[in-house]
Amino acid sequence: MICMLGGIAFSLNYGGSWQMSSSADKVNTNWNSASCDSSGQYFHVCSDKGVHRSSDYGATWTQILSSTDDHRCIASDSTGQYLATVAYGSSGSVKISSNYGSSWSSSFSVSYGYSLACDSTGRTLAVGCNPGYIYQSNDYGQSFSVVNPVSAYWPTLSMTSAGKGTTAVAHCYVSEDVI
């Protein structure tokens, strides 16, 4: 799945061909990030207006979290039951849902949360900040602690299905004065 200003493109054949979602294009928003369950039936996208969900392989979309916050990333467990999203900004927060997005709660205040990953069960969740640290929860987002003491810009996180391995990409700025 690809999110962009003009809409959402998705593939149901391992990337062999792509199609644009016609119903998501009607929403005037900046699409930021996407996730899906292991079957590909449930897609989730986040934007500057909240979170949308498709339960029919991307054919139609429904808003499941309305917000004026800029949600930069979203993560889903393998079933789509456990969802997490991060509202970006100096007073941002991690919002979690344990019921397929029917209801949401703020679980952790974090400044400039920018990337998010979770394991296949939704139990282990990691949040990368820009700038800042990487925080991790091992209890479905109920509590978080710093797991990487290096302050950097963390634009991308990924996690193994068992939650035992997390990959983080740090974006580094190099001054021309140093070269």
Foldseek 3Di string as FASTA:
>chain_A
DDFAQQADWDDDPPPPDIDGAPQRNVDRWGWAEKEAAQNQQWIWTFTCQGIWIGRGNRNHIDGLDGDNFGWRYKEAANVLQWIWIWGAAQFIFIWIGRGNSNDIDTQGTDYAFAEKEAANVLQWIWTQGAFAFIWIGRGNRNDIDGPGHDGAGWNYKYAYNVRPDMDTDGDDDDDPVVD
